[in-house]
Amino acid sequence: MVSAAKRERLVSAYRLEAGHAQLYDAAGASPWMDAPAFADAAAGLVSTVDDYFAFSHFLSSRGHPRDHRLLSRELVADMTRDHLTASQRAAAAPLLGNRRGWGFGMAVVTETTPQGIPAGAYGWNGGFGTSWIADPSSTTSAILLTQTLFTSPMPPAVHQEFWAAVFSPPVL
């Protein structure tokens, strides 16, 4: 739910129809303005890029941002590693994508993707057009917020192009 003090910051969401953006969820009349009848911890995060980045930084610091530890290194390692078997990964591919497994609450890249996202990176794509990928080996955090709904479980081309721009080696 978006608090009354922050409602002016909420943006509208769109969906693509026949190649044109159509208003899906007007910010001023959004259902995110009210508490849900039944809380769902698996959907409906309303956040900012600053909050997303703070969360990414928290994980990349292995649970020890600034001056105090909030989570053990072991717990953060467990959160950000794949826990699926090969057959579970194959069954989950339509939702997670190929070359991805599942940590505690996020996708984990199990082998380098065609866009250059390395094995060991983790993150999540949201159906309302958000993508977040963090690569602990390079300390890179990539966040894209389009506010355009995904039309399939696979992220749209703009997300894949973004990842390739961030994670592919530079051309010299």
C-alpha atoms as a PDB file:
ATOM      1  CA  MET A   1       0.000   0.000   0.000  1.00  0.00           C
ATOM      2  CA  VAL A   2       1.215   3.489  -0.796  1.00  0.00           C
ATOM      3  CA  SER A   3       0.963   5.845   2.163  1.00  0.00           C
ATOM      4  CA  ALA A   4      -1.041   9.045   1.763  1.00  0.00           C
ATOM      5  CA  ALA A   5       2.150  11.111   2.101  1.00  0.00           C
ATOM      6  CA  LYS A   6       3.760   9.379  -0.894  1.00  0.00           C
ATOM      7  CA  ARG A   7       0.848   8.925  -3.284  1.00  0.00           C
ATOM      8  CA  GLU A   8       1.943  11.758  -5.564  1.00  0.00           C
ATOM      9  CA  ARG A   9       5.104   9.729  -6.320  1.00  0.00           C
ATOM     10  CA  LEU A  10       3.219   6.696  -7.672  1.00  0.00           C
ATOM     11  CA  VAL A  11       3.332   6.427 -11.459  1.00  0.00           C
ATOM     12  CA  SER A  12       0.828   4.836 -13.804  1.00  0.00           C
ATOM     13  CA  ALA A  13       1.345   1.407 -15.333  1.00  0.00           C
ATOM     14  CA  TYR A  14       0.776   0.510 -18.971  1.00  0.00           C
ATOM     15  CA  ARG A  15       0.260  -2.564 -21.125  1.00  0.00           C
ATOM     16  CA  LEU A  16       1.104  -2.943 -24.786  1.00  0.00           C
ATOM     17  CA  GLU A  17      -1.732  -3.626 -27.190  1.00  0.00           C
ATOM     18  CA  ALA A  18      -0.963  -3.882 -30.900  1.00  0.00           C
ATOM     19  CA  GLY A  19       2.359  -2.122 -30.267  1.00  0.00           C
ATOM     20  CA  HIS A  20       0.828   0.854 -28.467  1.00  0.00           C
ATOM     21  CA  ALA A  21       0.960   1.647 -24.753  1.00  0.00           C
ATOM     22  CA  GLN A  22      -2.470   1.580 -23.121  1.00  0.00           C
ATOM     23  CA  LEU A  23      -3.146   2.802 -19.591  1.00  0.00           C
ATOM     24  CA  TYR A  24      -3.526  -0.202 -17.294  1.00  0.00           C
ATOM     25  CA  ASP A  25      -3.386   1.248 -13.789  1.00  0.00           C
ATOM     26  CA  ALA A  26      -3.786   5.012 -13.375  1.00  0.00           C
ATOM     27  CA  ALA A  27      -1.658   6.249 -10.489  1.00  0.00           C
ATOM     28  CA  GLY A  28      -4.446   8.355  -8.994  1.00  0.00           C
ATOM     29  CA  ALA A  29      -6.961   5.491  -8.952  1.00  0.00           C
ATOM     30  CA  SER A  30      -4.581   2.614  -8.312  1.00  0.00           C
ATOM     31  CA  PRO A  31      -5.567  -0.343  -6.134  1.00  0.00           C
ATOM     32  CA  TRP A  32      -2.162   0.128  -4.444  1.00  0.00           C
ATOM     33  CA  MET A  33      -3.700   3.091  -2.579  1.00  0.00           C
ATOM     34  CA  ASP A  34      -5.576   0.784  -0.213  1.00  0.00           C
ATOM     35  CA  ALA A  35      -4.536  -2.166   1.904  1.00  0.00           C
ATOM     36  CA  PRO A  36      -5.408  -5.479   0.225  1.00  0.00           C
ATOM     37  CA  ALA A  37      -8.226  -7.604   1.615  1.00  0.00           C
ATOM     38  CA  PHE A  38      -5.695 -10.424   1.936  1.00  0.00           C
ATOM     39  CA  ALA A  39      -1.977  -9.709   2.198  1.00  0.00           C
ATOM     40  CA  ASP A  40       0.125 -11.496  -0.435  1.00  0.00           C
ATOM     41  CA  ALA A  41       3.854 -11.579   0.286  1.00  0.00           C
ATOM     42  CA  ALA A  42       4.543 -12.906  -3.219  1.00  0.00           C
ATOM     43  CA  ALA A  43       3.138  -9.961  -5.179  1.00  0.00           C
ATOM     44  CA  GLY A  44       2.412  -6.277  -5.094  1.00  0.00           C
ATOM     45  CA  LEU A  45       5.643  -4.650  -3.999  1.00  0.00           C
ATOM     46  CA  VAL A  46       5.432  -0.906  -4.484  1.00  0.00           C
ATOM     47  CA  SER A  47       8.870   0.631  -4.257  1.00  0.00           C
ATOM     48  CA  THR A  48      11.372   3.131  -5.624  1.00  0.00           C
ATOM     49  CA  VAL A  49      14.630   2.669  -7.483  1.00  0.00           C
ATOM     50  CA  ASP A  50      16.409   3.966  -4.348  1.00  0.00           C
ATOM     51  CA  ASP A  51      14.795   1.241  -2.235  1.00  0.00           C
ATOM     52  CA  TYR A  52      15.627  -1.405  -4.839  1.00  0.00           C
ATOM     53  CA  PHE A  53      19.242  -0.249  -4.887  1.00  0.00           C
ATOM     54  CA  ALA A  54      19.438  -0.207  -1.071  1.00  0.00           C
ATOM     55  CA  PHE A  55      18.194  -3.819  -1.015  1.00  0.00           C
ATOM     56  CA  SER A  56      20.699  -4.798  -3.693  1.00  0.00           C
ATOM     57  CA  HIS A  57      23.509  -3.086  -1.770  1.00  0.00           C
ATOM     58  CA  PHE A  58      22.392  -4.851   1.413  1.00  0.00           C
ATOM     59  CA  LEU A  59      22.746  -8.239  -0.271  1.00  0.00           C
ATOM     60  CA  SER A  60      26.037  -7.371  -1.971  1.00  0.00           C
ATOM     61  CA  SER A  61      27.435  -6.334   1.429  1.00  0.00           C
ATOM     62  CA  ARG A  62      26.468  -9.851   2.582  1.00  0.00           C
ATOM     63  CA  GLY A  63      24.044  -8.531   5.184  1.00  0.00           C
ATOM     64  CA  HIS A  64      26.450  -5.984   6.670  1.00  0.00           C
ATOM     65  CA  PRO A  65      25.648  -2.518   5.337  1.00  0.00           C
ATOM     66  CA  ARG A  66      27.317   0.417   7.008  1.00  0.00           C
ATOM     67  CA  ASP A  67      28.233  -0.322  10.619  1.00  0.00           C
ATOM     68  CA  HIS A  68      26.128  -3.258  11.753  1.00  0.00           C
ATOM     69  CA  ARG A  69      25.370  -6.768  10.610  1.00  0.00           C
ATOM     70  CA  LEU A  70      21.694  -7.473   9.972  1.00  0.00           C
ATOM     71  CA  LEU A  71      21.959 -10.979   8.490  1.00  0.00           C
ATOM     72  CA  SER A  72      24.680 -13.583   8.712  1.00  0.00           C
ATOM     73  CA  ARG A  73      26.967 -14.086   5.715  1.00  0.00           C
ATOM     74  CA  GLU A  74      25.761 -17.676   5.568  1.00  0.00           C
ATOM     75  CA  LEU A  75      22.092 -16.654   5.327  1.00  0.00           C
ATOM     76  CA  VAL A  76      22.778 -14.157   2.535  1.00  0.00           C
ATOM     77  CA  ALA A  77      24.789 -16.838   0.708  1.00  0.00           C
ATOM     78  CA  ASP A  78      21.835 -19.209   1.027  1.00  0.00           C
ATOM     79  CA  MET A  79      19.401 -16.528  -0.179  1.00  0.00           C
ATOM     80  CA  THR A  80      21.454 -15.884  -3.303  1.00  0.00           C
ATOM     81  CA  ARG A  81      22.346 -19.435  -4.403  1.00  0.00           C
ATOM     82  CA  ASP A  82      20.309 -21.898  -6.423  1.00  0.00           C
ATOM     83  CA  HIS A  83      18.424 -24.536  -4.407  1.00  0.00           C
ATOM     84  CA  LEU A  84      16.725 -26.362  -7.297  1.00  0.00           C
ATOM     85  CA  THR A  85      17.586 -29.724  -8.782  1.00  0.00           C
ATOM     86  CA  ALA A  86      18.161 -29.983 -12.535  1.00  0.00           C
ATOM     87  CA  SER A  87      14.644 -31.365 -13.060  1.00  0.00           C
ATOM     88  CA  GLN A  88      13.108 -28.579 -10.947  1.00  0.00           C
ATOM     89  CA  ARG A  89      15.036 -25.956 -12.971  1.00  0.00           C
ATOM     90  CA  ALA A  90      13.760 -27.509 -16.207  1.00  0.00           C
ATOM     91  CA  ALA A  91      10.167 -27.451 -14.932  1.00  0.00           C
ATOM     92  CA  ALA A  92      10.545 -23.846 -13.710  1.00  0.00           C
ATOM     93  CA  ALA A  93      12.141 -22.547 -16.947  1.00  0.00           C
ATOM     94  CA  PRO A  94       8.832 -21.199 -18.355  1.00  0.00           C
ATOM     95  CA  LEU A  95       8.619 -18.862 -15.346  1.00  0.00           C
ATOM     96  CA  LEU A  96      12.258 -18.295 -14.333  1.00  0.00           C
ATOM     97  CA  GLY A  97      13.811 -18.555 -17.790  1.00  0.00           C
ATOM     98  CA  ASN A  98      16.586 -20.813 -18.991  1.00  0.00           C
ATOM     99  CA  ARG A  99      19.874 -20.793 -17.084  1.00  0.00           C
ATOM    100  CA  ARG A 100      18.160 -19.775 -13.855  1.00  0.00           C
ATOM    101  CA  GLY A 101      17.399 -21.453 -10.573  1.00  0.00           C
ATOM    102  CA  TRP A 102      15.835 -20.253  -7.336  1.00  0.00           C
ATOM    103  CA  GLY A 103      17.344 -18.902  -4.130  1.00  0.00           C
ATOM    104  CA  PHE A 104      15.292 -17.697  -1.181  1.00  0.00           C
ATOM    105  CA  GLY A 105      12.924 -15.241  -2.869  1.00  0.00           C
ATOM    106  CA  MET A 106      14.813 -14.530  -6.099  1.00  0.00           C
ATOM    107  CA  ALA A 107      16.081 -16.059  -9.321  1.00  0.00           C
ATOM    108  CA  VAL A 108      19.716 -17.130  -9.461  1.00  0.00           C
ATOM    109  CA  VAL A 109      21.645 -17.338 -12.742  1.00  0.00           C
ATOM    110  CA  THR A 110      23.179 -20.825 -13.034  1.00  0.00           C
ATOM    111  CA  GLU A 111      25.185 -20.287 -16.246  1.00  0.00           C
ATOM    112  CA  THR A 112      26.045 -17.196 -18.258  1.00  0.00           C
ATOM    113  CA  THR A 113      23.057 -15.984 -20.292  1.00  0.00           C
ATOM    114  CA  PRO A 114      23.106 -14.852 -23.942  1.00  0.00           C
ATOM    115  CA  GLN A 115      22.921 -11.261 -22.638  1.00  0.00           C
ATOM    116  CA  GLY A 116      26.143 -11.799 -20.662  1.00  0.00           C
ATOM    117  CA  ILE A 117      24.626 -12.050 -17.176  1.00  0.00           C
ATOM    118  CA  PRO A 118      27.164 -14.253 -15.353  1.00  0.00           C
ATOM    119  CA  ALA A 119      26.521 -17.365 -13.312  1.00  0.00           C
ATOM    120  CA  GLY A 120      26.073 -16.395  -9.666  1.00  0.00           C
ATOM    121  CA  ALA A 121      24.123 -13.219 -10.426  1.00  0.00           C
ATOM    122  CA  TYR A 122      20.680 -12.973  -8.846  1.00  0.00           C
ATOM    123  CA  GLY A 123      17.575 -10.803  -9.033  1.00  0.00           C
ATOM    124  CA  TRP A 124      13.965 -10.712 -10.073  1.00  0.00           C
ATOM    125  CA  ASN A 125      11.669  -9.509 -12.844  1.00  0.00           C
ATOM    126  CA  GLY A 126       8.331  -8.052 -11.849  1.00  0.00           C
ATOM    127  CA  GLY A 127       5.265  -8.383 -14.026  1.00  0.00           C
ATOM    128  CA  PHE A 128       4.726  -4.613 -13.964  1.00  0.00           C
ATOM    129  CA  GLY A 129       7.883  -4.076 -16.003  1.00  0.00           C
ATOM    130  CA  THR A 130      10.678  -4.117 -13.459  1.00  0.00           C
ATOM    131  CA  SER A 131      14.016  -5.935 -13.651  1.00  0.00           C
ATOM    132  CA  TRP A 132      16.767  -6.153 -11.061  1.00  0.00           C
ATOM    133  CA  ILE A 133      19.973  -8.144 -11.490  1.00  0.00           C
ATOM    134  CA  ALA A 134      22.945  -8.064  -9.118  1.00  0.00           C
ATOM    135  CA  ASP A 135      26.305  -9.633  -9.915  1.00  0.00           C
ATOM    136  CA  PRO A 136      28.331 -10.092  -6.731  1.00  0.00           C
ATOM    137  CA  SER A 137      31.569 -10.874  -8.604  1.00  0.00           C
ATOM    138  CA  SER A 138      31.638  -7.435 -10.266  1.00  0.00           C
ATOM    139  CA  THR A 139      29.496  -5.659  -7.625  1.00  0.00           C
ATOM    140  CA  THR A 140      27.189  -4.554 -10.439  1.00  0.00           C
ATOM    141  CA  SER A 141      23.545  -3.844  -9.738  1.00  0.00           C
ATOM    142  CA  ALA A 142      21.270  -3.192 -12.727  1.00  0.00           C
ATOM    143  CA  ILE A 143      17.730  -1.887 -12.201  1.00  0.00           C
ATOM    144  CA  LEU A 144      15.212  -1.139 -14.951  1.00  0.00           C
ATOM    145  CA  LEU A 145      11.729   0.189 -14.181  1.00  0.00           C
ATOM    146  CA  THR A 146       9.559   0.504 -17.314  1.00  0.00           C
ATOM    147  CA  GLN A 147       6.061   0.426 -15.776  1.00  0.00           C
ATOM    148  CA  THR A 148       4.935  -1.578 -18.827  1.00  0.00           C
ATOM    149  CA  LEU A 149       3.430  -4.952 -18.010  1.00  0.00           C
ATOM    150  CA  PHE A 150       5.124  -8.083 -19.282  1.00  0.00           C
ATOM    151  CA  THR A 151       2.956  -9.834 -21.867  1.00  0.00           C
ATOM    152  CA  SER A 152       4.537 -13.238 -21.197  1.00  0.00           C
ATOM    153  CA  PRO A 153       6.732 -14.837 -18.533  1.00  0.00           C
ATOM    154  CA  MET A 154       9.778 -13.898 -20.614  1.00  0.00           C
ATOM    155  CA  PRO A 155      10.875 -10.285 -20.180  1.00  0.00           C
ATOM    156  CA  PRO A 156      10.387  -8.003 -23.201  1.00  0.00           C
ATOM    157  CA  ALA A 157      13.210  -7.206 -25.610  1.00  0.00           C
ATOM    158  CA  VAL A 158      13.974  -3.859 -23.930  1.00  0.00           C
ATOM    159  CA  HIS A 159      14.885  -5.706 -20.715  1.00  0.00           C
ATOM    160  CA  GLN A 160      17.116  -8.161 -22.555  1.00  0.00           C
ATOM    161  CA  GLU A 161      18.796  -5.303 -24.446  1.00  0.00           C
ATOM    162  CA  PHE A 162      19.350  -3.498 -21.138  1.00  0.00           C
ATOM    163  CA  TRP A 163      20.997  -6.567 -19.593  1.00  0.00           C
ATOM    164  CA  ALA A 164      23.215  -7.006 -22.660  1.00  0.00           C
ATOM    165  CA  ALA A 165      24.276  -3.350 -22.459  1.00  0.00           C
ATOM    166  CA  VAL A 166      25.140  -3.724 -18.767  1.00  0.00           C
ATOM    167  CA  PHE A 167      26.737  -7.171 -18.719  1.00  0.00           C
ATOM    168  CA  SER A 168      28.335  -7.696 -22.131  1.00  0.00           C
ATOM    169  CA  PRO A 169      32.051  -6.921 -22.390  1.00  0.00           C
ATOM    170  CA  PRO A 170      32.796  -3.525 -23.906  1.00  0.00           C
ATOM    171  CA  VAL A 171      33.667  -3.411 -27.587  1.00  0.00           C
ATOM    172  CA  LEU A 172      37.055  -1.818 -28.087  1.00  0.00           C
END
